[in-house]
Amino acid sequence: MNLLSLILIIIITLLGYPIGLLIAKLTEEELKAGKKWFKLIILASIVVILISLVFLRGTSLLFLICAMIFILLITLAPLVKLRKKKQRRKSKRIQKKKEKER
């Protein structure tokens, strides 16, 4: 495998996170309902990566791990977005509470 194809595989894999953020932005109302499924997909991806490390070698191992990392990043992005949104709401509530106390 040459260096160019390796770089291309890494770039495509890392595009999973921005793609996940885009999907999260387009489907905001489904994020809360799908939260447990996102966690399940992340867990399955990690398990597949660990199993493939034992049974596969060579380029098939690289492609499978990159595919699983891509899926992992796509499903991780909406969870991060939900957590940040929840933290923002919490900090706003705390600020309002402090303002009322003054």
Foldseek 3Di string as FASTA:
>chain_A
DDPVVVVVLVVLLVCLQVLLLVVCVVPVVCLVVCVVVLVVLLVVLVVQLVVCVVPDDDPVNVNSNSVSSSSNNSSVNNVVVVVVVVVVVVVVVVVVVVVVVD
